[in-house]
PDB file of all heavy atoms in Angstrom:
ATOM      1  N   VAL A   1      16.330  -4.213  -1.432  1.00  0.00           N
ATOM      2  CA  VAL A   1      15.167  -3.645  -2.194  1.00  0.00           C
ATOM      3  C   VAL A   1      15.485  -3.533  -3.592  1.00  0.00           C
ATOM      4  O   VAL A   1      16.457  -2.785  -4.032  1.00  0.00           O
ATOM      5  CB  VAL A   1      14.829  -2.221  -1.564  1.00  0.00           C
ATOM      6  CG1 VAL A   1      13.633  -1.602  -2.387  1.00  0.00           C
ATOM      7  CG2 VAL A   1      14.473  -2.353  -0.117  1.00  0.00           C
ATOM      8  N   GLU A   2      14.733  -4.247  -4.459  1.00  0.00           N
ATOM      9  CA  GLU A   2      14.904  -4.195  -5.901  1.00  0.00           C
ATOM     10  C   GLU A   2      14.061  -3.063  -6.491  1.00  0.00           C
ATOM     11  O   GLU A   2      13.047  -2.733  -6.000  1.00  0.00           O
ATOM     12  CB  GLU A   2      14.448  -5.525  -6.523  1.00  0.00           C
ATOM     13  CG  GLU A   2      15.196  -6.772  -6.036  1.00  0.00           C
ATOM     14  CD  GLU A   2      14.458  -7.439  -4.888  1.00  0.00           C
ATOM     15  OE1 GLU A   2      13.670  -6.745  -4.202  1.00  0.00           O
ATOM     16  OE2 GLU A   2      14.656  -8.659  -4.679  1.00  0.00           O
ATOM     17  N   SER A   3      14.555  -2.546  -7.594  1.00  0.00           N
ATOM     18  CA  SER A   3      13.822  -1.515  -8.351  1.00  0.00           C
ATOM     19  C   SER A   3      14.224  -1.614  -9.804  1.00  0.00           C
ATOM     20  O   SER A   3      15.264  -2.190 -10.141  1.00  0.00           O
ATOM     21  CB  SER A   3      14.079  -0.140  -7.747  1.00  0.00           C
ATOM     22  OG  SER A   3      15.465   0.226  -7.817  1.00  0.00           O
ATOM     23  N   GLY A   4      13.499  -0.944 -10.630  1.00  0.00           N
ATOM     24  CA  GLY A   4      13.871  -0.761 -12.032  1.00  0.00           C
ATOM     25  C   GLY A   4      13.022  -1.668 -13.020  1.00  0.00           C
ATOM     26  O   GLY A   4      13.128  -1.535 -14.191  1.00  0.00           O
ATOM     27  N   GLY A   5      12.146  -2.448 -12.436  1.00  0.00           N
ATOM     28  CA  GLY A   5      11.375  -3.244 -13.300  1.00  0.00           C
ATOM     29  C   GLY A   5      10.300  -2.417 -14.031  1.00  0.00           C
ATOM     30  O   GLY A   5       9.848  -1.340 -13.513  1.00  0.00           O
ATOM     31  N   ASP A   6       9.956  -2.883 -15.230  1.00  0.00           N
ATOM     32  CA  ASP A   6       9.008  -2.058 -16.019  1.00  0.00           C
ATOM     33  C   ASP A   6       8.427  -2.935 -17.142  1.00  0.00           C
ATOM     34  O   ASP A   6       8.790  -4.104 -17.272  1.00  0.00           O
ATOM     35  CB  ASP A   6       9.790  -0.864 -16.609  1.00  0.00           C
ATOM     36  CG  ASP A   6       8.846   0.299 -16.966  1.00  0.00           C
ATOM     37  OD1 ASP A   6       7.626   0.136 -16.982  1.00  0.00           O
ATOM     38  OD2 ASP A   6       9.424   1.419 -17.193  1.00  0.00           O
ATOM     39  N   LEU A   7       7.595  -2.293 -17.954  1.00  0.00           N
ATOM     40  CA  LEU A   7       7.073  -2.955 -19.224  1.00  0.00           C
ATOM     41  C   LEU A   7       8.003  -2.448 -20.324  1.00  0.00           C
ATOM     42  O   LEU A   7       8.167  -1.281 -20.484  1.00  0.00           O
ATOM     43  CB  LEU A   7       5.607  -2.465 -19.447  1.00  0.00           C
ATOM     44  CG  LEU A   7       5.070  -2.903 -20.761  1.00  0.00           C
ATOM     45  CD1 LEU A   7       5.012  -4.379 -20.973  1.00  0.00           C
ATOM     46  CD2 LEU A   7       3.655  -2.189 -20.967  1.00  0.00           C
ATOM     47  N   VAL A   8       8.524  -3.395 -21.103  1.00  0.00           N
ATOM     48  CA  VAL A   8       9.477  -3.077 -22.177  1.00  0.00           C
ATOM     49  C   VAL A   8       9.163  -3.908 -23.383  1.00  0.00           C
ATOM     50  O   VAL A   8       8.710  -5.054 -23.250  1.00  0.00           O
ATOM     51  CB  VAL A   8      10.929  -3.188 -21.727  1.00  0.00           C
ATOM     52  CG1 VAL A   8      11.219  -4.654 -21.362  1.00  0.00           C
ATOM     53  CG2 VAL A   8      11.895  -2.705 -22.721  1.00  0.00           C
ATOM     54  N   GLN A   9       9.443  -3.417 -24.593  1.00  0.00           N
ATOM     55  CA  GLN A   9       9.204  -4.143 -25.758  1.00  0.00           C
ATOM     56  C   GLN A   9      10.291  -5.157 -26.024  1.00  0.00           C
ATOM     57  O   GLN A   9      11.448  -4.875 -25.554  1.00  0.00           O
ATOM     58  CB  GLN A   9       9.062  -3.188 -27.022  1.00  0.00           C
ATOM     59  CG  GLN A   9       7.844  -2.359 -26.970  1.00  0.00           C
ATOM     60  CD  GLN A   9       7.700  -1.507 -28.229  1.00  0.00           C
ATOM     61  OE1 GLN A   9       8.651  -1.324 -28.968  1.00  0.00           O
ATOM     62  NE2 GLN A   9       6.520  -1.092 -28.541  1.00  0.00           N
ATOM     63  N   PRO A  10      10.007  -6.204 -26.767  1.00  0.00           N
ATOM     64  CA  PRO A  10      11.134  -7.139 -27.159  1.00  0.00           C
ATOM     65  C   PRO A  10      12.266  -6.414 -27.790  1.00  0.00           C
ATOM     66  O   PRO A  10      12.049  -5.576 -28.664  1.00  0.00           O
ATOM     67  CB  PRO A  10      10.407  -8.082 -28.033  1.00  0.00           C
ATOM     68  CG  PRO A  10       8.983  -8.131 -27.685  1.00  0.00           C
ATOM     69  CD  PRO A  10       8.745  -6.644 -27.255  1.00  0.00           C
ATOM     70  N   GLY A  11      13.519  -6.797 -27.428  1.00  0.00           N
ATOM     71  CA  GLY A  11      14.626  -6.155 -27.941  1.00  0.00           C
ATOM     72  C   GLY A  11      15.091  -4.971 -27.132  1.00  0.00           C
ATOM     73  O   GLY A  11      16.208  -4.435 -27.355  1.00  0.00           O
ATOM     74  N   GLY A  12      14.285  -4.540 -26.159  1.00  0.00           N
ATOM     75  CA  GLY A  12      14.616  -3.383 -25.354  1.00  0.00           C
ATOM     76  C   GLY A  12      15.580  -3.685 -24.225  1.00  0.00           C
ATOM     77  O   GLY A  12      16.010  -4.856 -24.087  1.00  0.00           O
ATOM     78  N   SER A  13      15.859  -2.744 -23.384  1.00  0.00           N
ATOM     79  CA  SER A  13      16.784  -2.867 -22.275  1.00  0.00           C
ATOM     80  C   SER A  13      16.222  -2.307 -21.010  1.00  0.00           C
ATOM     81  O   SER A  13      15.314  -1.452 -20.978  1.00  0.00           O
ATOM     82  CB  SER A  13      18.059  -2.183 -22.546  1.00  0.00           C
ATOM     83  OG  SER A  13      18.713  -2.662 -23.718  1.00  0.00           O
ATOM     84  N   LEU A  14      16.674  -2.912 -19.860  1.00  0.00           N
ATOM     85  CA  LEU A  14      16.304  -2.419 -18.545  1.00  0.00           C
ATOM     86  C   LEU A  14      17.493  -2.590 -17.641  1.00  0.00           C
ATOM     87  O   LEU A  14      18.281  -3.475 -17.901  1.00  0.00           O
ATOM     88  CB  LEU A  14      15.071  -3.113 -17.948  1.00  0.00           C
ATOM     89  CG  LEU A  14      13.726  -2.849 -18.351  1.00  0.00           C
ATOM     90  CD1 LEU A  14      12.770  -3.810 -17.715  1.00  0.00           C
ATOM     91  CD2 LEU A  14      13.368  -1.373 -18.032  1.00  0.00           C
ATOM     92  N   ARG A  15      17.609  -1.784 -16.628  1.00  0.00           N
ATOM     93  CA  ARG A  15      18.603  -1.955 -15.617  1.00  0.00           C
ATOM     94  C   ARG A  15      17.863  -2.094 -14.262  1.00  0.00           C
ATOM     95  O   ARG A  15      17.310  -1.168 -13.834  1.00  0.00           O
ATOM     96  CB  ARG A  15      19.683  -0.834 -15.589  1.00  0.00           C
ATOM     97  CG  ARG A  15      20.809  -1.226 -14.610  1.00  0.00           C
ATOM     98  CD  ARG A  15      21.799  -0.143 -14.558  1.00  0.00           C
ATOM     99  NE  ARG A  15      21.578   0.900 -13.767  1.00  0.00           N
ATOM    100  CZ  ARG A  15      22.510   1.758 -13.184  1.00  0.00           C
ATOM    101  NH1 ARG A  15      23.831   1.562 -13.400  1.00  0.00           N
ATOM    102  NH2 ARG A  15      22.150   2.826 -12.429  1.00  0.00           N
ATOM    103  N   LEU A  16      18.090  -3.181 -13.636  1.00  0.00           N
ATOM    104  CA  LEU A  16      17.544  -3.407 -12.251  1.00  0.00           C
ATOM    105  C   LEU A  16      18.602  -2.991 -11.285  1.00  0.00           C
ATOM    106  O   LEU A  16      19.764  -3.201 -11.498  1.00  0.00           O
ATOM    107  CB  LEU A  16      17.121  -4.869 -12.140  1.00  0.00           C
ATOM    108  CG  LEU A  16      16.107  -5.451 -13.129  1.00  0.00           C
ATOM    109  CD1 LEU A  16      15.832  -6.897 -12.770  1.00  0.00           C
ATOM    110  CD2 LEU A  16      14.913  -4.571 -13.313  1.00  0.00           C
ATOM    111  N   SER A  17      18.110  -2.551 -10.122  1.00  0.00           N
ATOM    112  CA  SER A  17      18.970  -2.243  -8.996  1.00  0.00           C
ATOM    113  C   SER A  17      18.514  -2.990  -7.826  1.00  0.00           C
ATOM    114  O   SER A  17      17.354  -3.313  -7.583  1.00  0.00           O
ATOM    115  CB  SER A  17      18.902  -0.758  -8.753  1.00  0.00           C
ATOM    116  OG  SER A  17      19.377   0.066  -9.776  1.00  0.00           O
ATOM    117  N   CYS A  18      19.531  -3.324  -6.941  1.00  0.00           N
ATOM    118  CA  CYS A  18      19.303  -3.961  -5.637  1.00  0.00           C
ATOM    119  C   CYS A  18      20.019  -3.180  -4.616  1.00  0.00           C
ATOM    120  O   CYS A  18      21.270  -3.239  -4.467  1.00  0.00           O
ATOM    121  CB  CYS A  18      19.741  -5.411  -5.701  1.00  0.00           C
ATOM    122  SG  CYS A  18      19.709  -6.266  -4.191  1.00  0.00           S
ATOM    123  N   ALA A  19      19.282  -2.378  -3.859  1.00  0.00           N
ATOM    124  CA  ALA A  19      19.860  -1.554  -2.764  1.00  0.00           C
ATOM    125  C   ALA A  19      19.863  -2.360  -1.427  1.00  0.00           C
ATOM    126  O   ALA A  19      18.879  -2.885  -1.034  1.00  0.00           O
ATOM    127  CB  ALA A  19      19.131  -0.267  -2.614  1.00  0.00           C
ATOM    128  N   ALA A  20      21.044  -2.451  -0.830  1.00  0.00           N
ATOM    129  CA  ALA A  20      21.206  -3.130   0.393  1.00  0.00           C
ATOM    130  C   ALA A  20      21.469  -2.296   1.577  1.00  0.00           C
ATOM    131  O   ALA A  20      22.065  -1.167   1.445  1.00  0.00           O
ATOM    132  CB  ALA A  20      22.333  -4.139   0.214  1.00  0.00           C
ATOM    133  N   SER A  21      21.019  -2.688   2.724  1.00  0.00           N
ATOM    134  CA  SER A  21      21.315  -1.947   3.942  1.00  0.00           C
ATOM    135  C   SER A  21      21.397  -2.916   5.132  1.00  0.00           C
ATOM    136  O   SER A  21      20.854  -4.055   4.997  1.00  0.00           O
ATOM    137  CB  SER A  21      20.230  -0.904   4.241  1.00  0.00           C
ATOM    138  OG  SER A  21      19.007  -1.542   4.438  1.00  0.00           O
ATOM    139  N   GLY A  22      22.051  -2.513   6.118  1.00  0.00           N
ATOM    140  CA  GLY A  22      22.089  -3.294   7.395  1.00  0.00           C
ATOM    141  C   GLY A  22      23.279  -4.152   7.606  1.00  0.00           C
ATOM    142  O   GLY A  22      23.414  -4.733   8.716  1.00  0.00           O
ATOM    143  N   SER A  23      24.186  -4.270   6.658  1.00  0.00           N
ATOM    144  CA  SER A  23      25.339  -5.160   6.897  1.00  0.00           C
ATOM    145  C   SER A  23      26.461  -4.747   5.947  1.00  0.00           C
ATOM    146  O   SER A  23      26.274  -3.752   5.188  1.00  0.00           O
ATOM    147  CB  SER A  23      24.996  -6.619   6.697  1.00  0.00           C
ATOM    148  OG  SER A  23      25.991  -7.461   7.171  1.00  0.00           O
ATOM    149  N   ILE A  24      27.621  -5.393   5.997  1.00  0.00           N
ATOM    150  CA  ILE A  24      28.679  -5.112   5.202  1.00  0.00           C
ATOM    151  C   ILE A  24      28.529  -5.688   3.807  1.00  0.00           C
ATOM    152  O   ILE A  24      28.796  -6.843   3.556  1.00  0.00           O
ATOM    153  CB  ILE A  24      30.060  -5.559   5.860  1.00  0.00           C
ATOM    154  CG1 ILE A  24      30.150  -4.952   7.247  1.00  0.00           C
ATOM    155  CG2 ILE A  24      31.200  -5.090   5.056  1.00  0.00           C
ATOM    156  CD1 ILE A  24      31.290  -5.567   8.011  1.00  0.00           C
ATOM    157  N   PHE A  25      28.013  -4.923   2.941  1.00  0.00           N
ATOM    158  CA  PHE A  25      27.593  -5.325   1.617  1.00  0.00           C
ATOM    159  C   PHE A  25      28.673  -6.023   0.864  1.00  0.00           C
ATOM    160  O   PHE A  25      28.469  -7.039   0.243  1.00  0.00           O
ATOM    161  CB  PHE A  25      27.080  -4.110   0.806  1.00  0.00           C
ATOM    162  CG  PHE A  25      26.616  -4.411  -0.600  1.00  0.00           C
ATOM    163  CD1 PHE A  25      25.433  -5.023  -0.814  1.00  0.00           C
ATOM    164  CD2 PHE A  25      27.398  -4.011  -1.680  1.00  0.00           C
ATOM    165  CE1 PHE A  25      24.963  -5.287  -2.086  1.00  0.00           C
ATOM    166  CE2 PHE A  25      26.963  -4.270  -2.957  1.00  0.00           C
ATOM    167  CZ  PHE A  25      25.740  -4.906  -3.173  1.00  0.00           C
ATOM    168  N   SER A  26      29.901  -5.511   0.947  1.00  0.00           N
ATOM    169  CA  SER A  26      31.025  -6.055   0.163  1.00  0.00           C
ATOM    170  C   SER A  26      31.335  -7.497   0.435  1.00  0.00           C
ATOM    171  O   SER A  26      32.086  -8.154  -0.312  1.00  0.00           O
ATOM    172  CB  SER A  26      32.214  -5.159   0.239  1.00  0.00           C
ATOM    173  OG  SER A  26      32.678  -5.128   1.567  1.00  0.00           O
ATOM    174  N   THR A  27      30.963  -7.946   1.654  1.00  0.00           N
ATOM    175  CA  THR A  27      31.376  -9.332   2.054  1.00  0.00           C
ATOM    176  C   THR A  27      30.331 -10.391   1.565  1.00  0.00           C
ATOM    177  O   THR A  27      30.571 -11.561   1.832  1.00  0.00           O
ATOM    178  CB  THR A  27      31.450  -9.369   3.569  1.00  0.00           C
ATOM    179  OG1 THR A  27      30.165  -9.130   4.211  1.00  0.00           O
ATOM    180  CG2 THR A  27      32.432  -8.335   4.052  1.00  0.00           C
ATOM    181  N   TYR A  28      29.291  -9.976   0.889  1.00  0.00           N
ATOM    182  CA  TYR A  28      28.277 -10.916   0.437  1.00  0.00           C
ATOM    183  C   TYR A  28      28.424 -11.228  -1.069  1.00  0.00           C
ATOM    184  O   TYR A  28      28.771 -10.359  -1.868  1.00  0.00           O
ATOM    185  CB  TYR A  28      26.872 -10.360   0.682  1.00  0.00           C
ATOM    186  CG  TYR A  28      26.464 -10.248   2.126  1.00  0.00           C
ATOM    187  CD1 TYR A  28      26.952  -9.304   2.957  1.00  0.00           C
ATOM    188  CD2 TYR A  28      25.581 -11.237   2.680  1.00  0.00           C
ATOM    189  CE1 TYR A  28      26.615  -9.275   4.311  1.00  0.00           C
ATOM    190  CE2 TYR A  28      25.223 -11.221   3.983  1.00  0.00           C
ATOM    191  CZ  TYR A  28      25.755 -10.263   4.785  1.00  0.00           C
ATOM    192  OH  TYR A  28      25.370 -10.213   6.098  1.00  0.00           O
ATOM    193  N   THR A  29      28.097 -12.458  -1.403  1.00  0.00           N
ATOM    194  CA  THR A  29      27.961 -12.788  -2.814  1.00  0.00           C
ATOM    195  C   THR A  29      26.564 -12.473  -3.202  1.00  0.00           C
ATOM    196  O   THR A  29      25.614 -12.771  -2.440  1.00  0.00           O
ATOM    197  CB  THR A  29      28.257 -14.303  -2.994  1.00  0.00           C
ATOM    198  OG1 THR A  29      29.571 -14.589  -2.624  1.00  0.00           O
ATOM    199  CG2 THR A  29      28.029 -14.674  -4.471  1.00  0.00           C
ATOM    200  N   LEU A  30      26.394 -11.789  -4.268  1.00  0.00           N
ATOM    201  CA  LEU A  30      25.073 -11.275  -4.811  1.00  0.00           C
ATOM    202  C   LEU A  30      24.652 -12.152  -5.942  1.00  0.00           C
ATOM    203  O   LEU A  30      25.398 -12.520  -6.905  1.00  0.00           O
ATOM    204  CB  LEU A  30      25.163  -9.921  -5.252  1.00  0.00           C
ATOM    205  CG  LEU A  30      24.988  -8.798  -4.134  1.00  0.00           C
ATOM    206  CD1 LEU A  30      23.580  -8.826  -3.577  1.00  0.00           C
ATOM    207  CD2 LEU A  30      25.996  -8.923  -3.057  1.00  0.00           C
ATOM    208  N   HIS A  31      23.274 -12.526  -5.905  1.00  0.00           N
ATOM    209  CA  HIS A  31      22.744 -13.211  -6.999  1.00  0.00           C
ATOM    210  C   HIS A  31      21.422 -12.601  -7.428  1.00  0.00           C
ATOM    211  O   HIS A  31      20.778 -11.898  -6.697  1.00  0.00           O
ATOM    212  CB  HIS A  31      22.414 -14.654  -6.519  1.00  0.00           C
ATOM    213  CG  HIS A  31      23.410 -15.350  -5.701  1.00  0.00           C
ATOM    214  ND1 HIS A  31      24.337 -16.175  -6.353  1.00  0.00           N
ATOM    215  CD2 HIS A  31      23.694 -15.293  -4.435  1.00  0.00           C
ATOM    216  CE1 HIS A  31      25.122 -16.646  -5.403  1.00  0.00           C
ATOM    217  NE2 HIS A  31      24.768 -16.079  -4.217  1.00  0.00           N
ATOM    218  N   TRP A  32      21.130 -12.747  -8.724  1.00  0.00           N
ATOM    219  CA  TRP A  32      19.760 -12.400  -9.238  1.00  0.00           C
ATOM    220  C   TRP A  32      19.030 -13.661  -9.592  1.00  0.00           C
ATOM    221  O   TRP A  32      19.652 -14.617 -10.256  1.00  0.00           O
ATOM    222  CB  TRP A  32      19.805 -11.535 -10.476  1.00  0.00           C
ATOM    223  CG  TRP A  32      20.217 -10.054 -10.083  1.00  0.00           C
ATOM    224  CD1 TRP A  32      21.463  -9.505 -10.161  1.00  0.00           C
ATOM    225  CD2 TRP A  32      19.298  -9.032  -9.763  1.00  0.00           C
ATOM    226  NE1 TRP A  32      21.334  -8.185  -9.824  1.00  0.00           N
ATOM    227  CE2 TRP A  32      20.101  -7.880  -9.526  1.00  0.00           C
ATOM    228  CE3 TRP A  32      17.936  -8.943  -9.488  1.00  0.00           C
ATOM    229  CZ2 TRP A  32      19.437  -6.642  -9.148  1.00  0.00           C
ATOM    230  CZ3 TRP A  32      17.310  -7.815  -9.163  1.00  0.00           C
ATOM    231  CH2 TRP A  32      18.084  -6.637  -8.944  1.00  0.00           C
ATOM    232  N   TYR A  33      17.802 -13.773  -9.259  1.00  0.00           N
ATOM    233  CA  TYR A  33      16.928 -14.876  -9.640  1.00  0.00           C
ATOM    234  C   TYR A  33      15.697 -14.304 -10.308  1.00  0.00           C
ATOM    235  O   TYR A  33      15.441 -13.087 -10.151  1.00  0.00           O
ATOM    236  CB  TYR A  33      16.453 -15.654  -8.384  1.00  0.00           C
ATOM    237  CG  TYR A  33      17.538 -16.601  -7.750  1.00  0.00           C
ATOM    238  CD1 TYR A  33      18.554 -16.116  -7.023  1.00  0.00           C
ATOM    239  CD2 TYR A  33      17.409 -17.968  -8.013  1.00  0.00           C
ATOM    240  CE1 TYR A  33      19.475 -16.962  -6.496  1.00  0.00           C
ATOM    241  CE2 TYR A  33      18.377 -18.811  -7.462  1.00  0.00           C
ATOM    242  CZ  TYR A  33      19.430 -18.288  -6.667  1.00  0.00           C
ATOM    243  OH  TYR A  33      20.324 -19.153  -6.145  1.00  0.00           O
ATOM    244  N   ARG A  34      14.924 -15.106 -10.921  1.00  0.00           N
ATOM    245  CA  ARG A  34      13.671 -14.654 -11.452  1.00  0.00           C
ATOM    246  C   ARG A  34      12.605 -15.832 -11.396  1.00  0.00           C
ATOM    247  O   ARG A  34      12.928 -16.952 -11.357  1.00  0.00           O
ATOM    248  CB  ARG A  34      13.762 -14.196 -12.901  1.00  0.00           C
ATOM    249  CG  ARG A  34      14.136 -15.286 -13.857  1.00  0.00           C
ATOM    250  CD  ARG A  34      14.440 -14.692 -15.275  1.00  0.00           C
ATOM    251  NE  ARG A  34      14.739 -15.738 -16.269  1.00  0.00           N
ATOM    252  CZ  ARG A  34      15.072 -15.425 -17.514  1.00  0.00           C
ATOM    253  NH1 ARG A  34      15.209 -14.111 -17.895  1.00  0.00           N
ATOM    254  NH2 ARG A  34      15.367 -16.397 -18.389  1.00  0.00           N
ATOM    255  N   GLN A  35      11.375 -15.396 -11.391  1.00  0.00           N
ATOM    256  CA  GLN A  35      10.241 -16.358 -11.330  1.00  0.00           C
ATOM    257  C   GLN A  35       9.183 -15.877 -12.262  1.00  0.00           C
ATOM    258  O   GLN A  35       8.578 -14.811 -12.021  1.00  0.00           O
ATOM    259  CB  GLN A  35       9.730 -16.498  -9.890  1.00  0.00           C
ATOM    260  CG  GLN A  35       8.739 -17.602  -9.733  1.00  0.00           C
ATOM    261  CD  GLN A  35       8.463 -17.955  -8.302  1.00  0.00           C
ATOM    262  OE1 GLN A  35       8.783 -17.194  -7.362  1.00  0.00           O
ATOM    263  NE2 GLN A  35       7.959 -19.214  -8.098  1.00  0.00           N
ATOM    264  N   ALA A  36       8.946 -16.676 -13.224  1.00  0.00           N
ATOM    265  CA  ALA A  36       7.877 -16.372 -14.207  1.00  0.00           C
ATOM    266  C   ALA A  36       6.585 -17.010 -13.753  1.00  0.00           C
ATOM    267  O   ALA A  36       6.573 -17.965 -12.899  1.00  0.00           O
ATOM    268  CB  ALA A  36       8.226 -16.952 -15.560  1.00  0.00           C
ATOM    269  N   PRO A  37       5.459 -16.442 -14.176  1.00  0.00           N
ATOM    270  CA  PRO A  37       4.154 -17.052 -13.720  1.00  0.00           C
ATOM    271  C   PRO A  37       4.053 -18.579 -13.944  1.00  0.00           C
ATOM    272  O   PRO A  37       4.322 -19.014 -15.068  1.00  0.00           O
ATOM    273  CB  PRO A  37       3.094 -16.242 -14.568  1.00  0.00           C
ATOM    274  CG  PRO A  37       3.839 -15.009 -14.974  1.00  0.00           C
ATOM    275  CD  PRO A  37       5.353 -15.312 -15.086  1.00  0.00           C
ATOM    276  N   GLY A  38       3.629 -19.334 -12.941  1.00  0.00           N
ATOM    277  CA  GLY A  38       3.512 -20.740 -13.031  1.00  0.00           C
ATOM    278  C   GLY A  38       4.746 -21.493 -13.112  1.00  0.00           C
ATOM    279  O   GLY A  38       4.726 -22.776 -13.353  1.00  0.00           O
TER     280      GLY A  38
END
């Protein structure tokens, strides 16, 4: 479950979080991806 997204001005900062459950988190490689409109 991702969280932390928001509207921010250019030059600003945000911290996204990805909360995991259901398995041994430390054994997974984690990635972030993004998809812009179109």
